[in-house]
Amino acid sequence: MSNTPASLTTQLEGYSEWLADLKGRINNIQATAPSWRKNHSD
């Protein structure tokens, strides 16, 4: 038996790029949220 864990799923082509793009979008939204809240508070 090997000490290396088996992969449960295979990574889809383009997944890394898609994930990096998604993380970038989330970071941009989080960065702009405080200013949006400041301008749109009740």
PDB file of N, CA and C in Angstrom:
ATOM      1  N   MET A   1       0.837  -1.196   0.000  1.00  0.00           N
ATOM      2  CA  MET A   1       0.000   0.000   0.000  1.00  0.00           C
ATOM      3  C   MET A   1       0.875   1.249   0.000  1.00  0.00           C
ATOM      4  N   SER A   2       0.407   2.264  -0.687  1.00  0.00           N
ATOM      5  CA  SER A   2       1.139   3.519  -0.793  1.00  0.00           C
ATOM      6  C   SER A   2       0.688   4.492   0.289  1.00  0.00           C
ATOM      7  N   ASN A   3       1.589   5.355   0.709  1.00  0.00           N
ATOM      8  CA  ASN A   3       1.246   6.389   1.682  1.00  0.00           C
ATOM      9  C   ASN A   3       0.640   7.616   1.012  1.00  0.00           C
ATOM     10  N   THR A   4       0.621   7.638  -0.303  1.00  0.00           N
ATOM     11  CA  THR A   4       0.050   8.752  -1.045  1.00  0.00           C
ATOM     12  C   THR A   4      -1.455   8.575  -1.141  1.00  0.00           C
ATOM     13  N   PRO A   5      -2.220   9.607  -0.717  1.00  0.00           N
ATOM     14  CA  PRO A   5      -3.685   9.475  -0.791  1.00  0.00           C
ATOM     15  C   PRO A   5      -4.160   9.464  -2.238  1.00  0.00           C
ATOM     16  N   ALA A   6      -5.171   8.694  -2.489  1.00  0.00           N
ATOM     17  CA  ALA A   6      -5.753   8.623  -3.829  1.00  0.00           C
ATOM     18  C   ALA A   6      -6.658   9.821  -4.049  1.00  0.00           C
ATOM     19  N   SER A   7      -6.660  10.336  -5.253  1.00  0.00           N
ATOM     20  CA  SER A   7      -7.547  11.438  -5.594  1.00  0.00           C
ATOM     21  C   SER A   7      -8.969  10.904  -5.711  1.00  0.00           C
ATOM     22  N   LEU A   8      -9.918  11.598  -5.131  1.00  0.00           N
ATOM     23  CA  LEU A   8     -11.304  11.149  -5.189  1.00  0.00           C
ATOM     24  C   LEU A   8     -11.963  11.537  -6.502  1.00  0.00           C
ATOM     25  N   THR A   9     -11.538  12.653  -7.073  1.00  0.00           N
ATOM     26  CA  THR A   9     -12.083  13.087  -8.354  1.00  0.00           C
ATOM     27  C   THR A   9     -10.956  13.593  -9.232  1.00  0.00           C
ATOM     28  N   THR A  10     -11.184  13.581 -10.515  1.00  0.00           N
ATOM     29  CA  THR A  10     -10.206  14.155 -11.426  1.00  0.00           C
ATOM     30  C   THR A  10     -10.563  15.611 -11.655  1.00  0.00           C
ATOM     31  N   GLN A  11      -9.560  16.453 -11.778  1.00  0.00           N
ATOM     32  CA  GLN A  11      -9.775  17.875 -11.969  1.00  0.00           C
ATOM     33  C   GLN A  11     -10.158  18.148 -13.427  1.00  0.00           C
ATOM     34  N   LEU A  12     -11.220  18.893 -13.608  1.00  0.00           N
ATOM     35  CA  LEU A  12     -11.690  19.206 -14.950  1.00  0.00           C
ATOM     36  C   LEU A  12     -10.760  20.209 -15.620  1.00  0.00           C
ATOM     37  N   GLU A  13     -10.681  20.130 -16.926  1.00  0.00           N
ATOM     38  CA  GLU A  13      -9.852  21.057 -17.685  1.00  0.00           C
ATOM     39  C   GLU A  13     -10.390  22.475 -17.510  1.00  0.00           C
ATOM     40  N   GLY A  14      -9.507  23.403 -17.212  1.00  0.00           N
ATOM     41  CA  GLY A  14      -9.898  24.795 -17.021  1.00  0.00           C
ATOM     42  C   GLY A  14     -10.360  25.123 -15.617  1.00  0.00           C
ATOM     43  N   TYR A  15     -10.416  24.125 -14.743  1.00  0.00           N
ATOM     44  CA  TYR A  15     -10.915  24.345 -13.381  1.00  0.00           C
ATOM     45  C   TYR A  15     -10.045  25.337 -12.616  1.00  0.00           C
ATOM     46  N   SER A  16      -8.724  25.206 -12.734  1.00  0.00           N
ATOM     47  CA  SER A  16      -7.819  26.100 -11.997  1.00  0.00           C
ATOM     48  C   SER A  16      -8.034  27.551 -12.403  1.00  0.00           C
ATOM     49  N   GLU A  17      -8.180  27.794 -13.708  1.00  0.00           N
ATOM     50  CA  GLU A  17      -8.405  29.152 -14.199  1.00  0.00           C
ATOM     51  C   GLU A  17      -9.758  29.677 -13.729  1.00  0.00           C
ATOM     52  N   TRP A  18     -10.778  28.829 -13.785  1.00  0.00           N
ATOM     53  CA  TRP A  18     -12.110  29.225 -13.348  1.00  0.00           C
ATOM     54  C   TRP A  18     -12.101  29.575 -11.864  1.00  0.00           C
ATOM     55  N   LEU A  19     -11.432  28.761 -11.073  1.00  0.00           N
ATOM     56  CA  LEU A  19     -11.376  28.995  -9.640  1.00  0.00           C
ATOM     57  C   LEU A  19     -10.615  30.285  -9.324  1.00  0.00           C
ATOM     58  N   ALA A  20      -9.520  30.523 -10.009  1.00  0.00           N
ATOM     59  CA  ALA A  20      -8.749  31.756  -9.800  1.00  0.00           C
ATOM     60  C   ALA A  20      -9.596  32.980 -10.161  1.00  0.00           C
ATOM     61  N   ASP A  21     -10.354  32.896 -11.256  1.00  0.00           N
ATOM     62  CA  ASP A  21     -11.232  33.997 -11.661  1.00  0.00           C
ATOM     63  C   ASP A  21     -12.315  34.229 -10.615  1.00  0.00           C
ATOM     64  N   LEU A  22     -12.919  33.167 -10.128  1.00  0.00           N
ATOM     65  CA  LEU A  22     -13.965  33.273  -9.119  1.00  0.00           C
ATOM     66  C   LEU A  22     -13.427  33.928  -7.846  1.00  0.00           C
ATOM     67  N   LYS A  23     -12.260  33.490  -7.404  1.00  0.00           N
ATOM     68  CA  LYS A  23     -11.653  34.073  -6.199  1.00  0.00           C
ATOM     69  C   LYS A  23     -11.351  35.553  -6.401  1.00  0.00           C
ATOM     70  N   GLY A  24     -10.890  35.913  -7.591  1.00  0.00           N
ATOM     71  CA  GLY A  24     -10.628  37.321  -7.893  1.00  0.00           C
ATOM     72  C   GLY A  24     -11.894  38.153  -7.837  1.00  0.00           C
ATOM     73  N   ARG A  25     -12.980  37.628  -8.388  1.00  0.00           N
ATOM     74  CA  ARG A  25     -14.260  38.344  -8.352  1.00  0.00           C
ATOM     75  C   ARG A  25     -14.743  38.532  -6.916  1.00  0.00           C
ATOM     76  N   ILE A  26     -14.621  37.488  -6.105  1.00  0.00           N
ATOM     77  CA  ILE A  26     -15.039  37.571  -4.704  1.00  0.00           C
ATOM     78  C   ILE A  26     -14.200  38.600  -3.963  1.00  0.00           C
ATOM     79  N   ASN A  27     -12.889  38.591  -4.184  1.00  0.00           N
ATOM     80  CA  ASN A  27     -12.013  39.565  -3.530  1.00  0.00           C
ATOM     81  C   ASN A  27     -12.377  40.988  -3.919  1.00  0.00           C
ATOM     82  N   ASN A  28     -12.684  41.216  -5.199  1.00  0.00           N
ATOM     83  CA  ASN A  28     -13.078  42.551  -5.653  1.00  0.00           C
ATOM     84  C   ASN A  28     -14.378  42.997  -5.004  1.00  0.00           C
ATOM     85  N   ILE A  29     -15.329  42.100  -4.894  1.00  0.00           N
ATOM     86  CA  ILE A  29     -16.604  42.429  -4.252  1.00  0.00           C
ATOM     87  C   ILE A  29     -16.385  42.756  -2.781  1.00  0.00           C
ATOM     88  N   GLN A  30     -15.572  41.961  -2.097  1.00  0.00           N
ATOM     89  CA  GLN A  30     -15.298  42.209  -0.683  1.00  0.00           C
ATOM     90  C   GLN A  30     -14.583  43.538  -0.494  1.00  0.00           C
ATOM     91  N   ALA A  31     -13.708  43.891  -1.425  1.00  0.00           N
ATOM     92  CA  ALA A  31     -12.954  45.138  -1.308  1.00  0.00           C
ATOM     93  C   ALA A  31     -13.855  46.357  -1.502  1.00  0.00           C
ATOM     94  N   THR A  32     -14.894  46.235  -2.335  1.00  0.00           N
ATOM     95  CA  THR A  32     -15.770  47.375  -2.598  1.00  0.00           C
ATOM     96  C   THR A  32     -16.972  47.426  -1.657  1.00  0.00           C
ATOM     97  N   ALA A  33     -17.246  46.370  -0.934  1.00  0.00           N
ATOM     98  CA  ALA A  33     -18.418  46.325  -0.064  1.00  0.00           C
ATOM     99  C   ALA A  33     -18.410  47.405   1.017  1.00  0.00           C
ATOM    100  N   PRO A  34     -17.297  47.676   1.711  1.00  0.00           N
ATOM    101  CA  PRO A  34     -17.343  48.716   2.758  1.00  0.00           C
ATOM    102  C   PRO A  34     -17.737  50.091   2.208  1.00  0.00           C
ATOM    103  N   SER A  35     -17.242  50.484   1.051  1.00  0.00           N
ATOM    104  CA  SER A  35     -17.602  51.786   0.497  1.00  0.00           C
ATOM    105  C   SER A  35     -19.056  51.801   0.045  1.00  0.00           C
ATOM    106  N   TRP A  36     -19.546  50.663  -0.479  1.00  0.00           N
ATOM    107  CA  TRP A  36     -20.953  50.592  -0.876  1.00  0.00           C
ATOM    108  C   TRP A  36     -21.848  50.738   0.341  1.00  0.00           C
ATOM    109  N   ARG A  37     -21.501  50.059   1.420  1.00  0.00           N
ATOM    110  CA  ARG A  37     -22.311  50.149   2.650  1.00  0.00           C
ATOM    111  C   ARG A  37     -22.328  51.578   3.174  1.00  0.00           C
ATOM    112  N   LYS A  38     -21.181  52.243   3.126  1.00  0.00           N
ATOM    113  CA  LYS A  38     -21.071  53.616   3.627  1.00  0.00           C
ATOM    114  C   LYS A  38     -22.012  54.536   2.845  1.00  0.00           C
ATOM    115  N   ASN A  39     -22.089  54.347   1.532  1.00  0.00           N
ATOM    116  CA  ASN A  39     -22.913  55.205   0.676  1.00  0.00           C
ATOM    117  C   ASN A  39     -24.389  54.801   0.649  1.00  0.00           C
ATOM    118  N   HIS A  40     -24.711  53.624   1.150  1.00  0.00           N
ATOM    119  CA  HIS A  40     -26.094  53.130   1.069  1.00  0.00           C
ATOM    120  C   HIS A  40     -26.668  52.742   2.430  1.00  0.00           C
ATOM    121  N   SER A  41     -26.152  53.322   3.495  1.00  0.00           N
ATOM    122  CA  SER A  41     -26.684  52.979   4.816  1.00  0.00           C
ATOM    123  C   SER A  41     -27.963  53.768   5.079  1.00  0.00           C
ATOM    124  N   ASP A  42     -28.805  53.197   5.915  1.00  0.00           N
ATOM    125  CA  ASP A  42     -30.080  53.850   6.232  1.00  0.00           C
ATOM    126  C   ASP A  42     -29.907  54.929   7.259  1.00  0.00           C
TER     127      ASP A  42
END
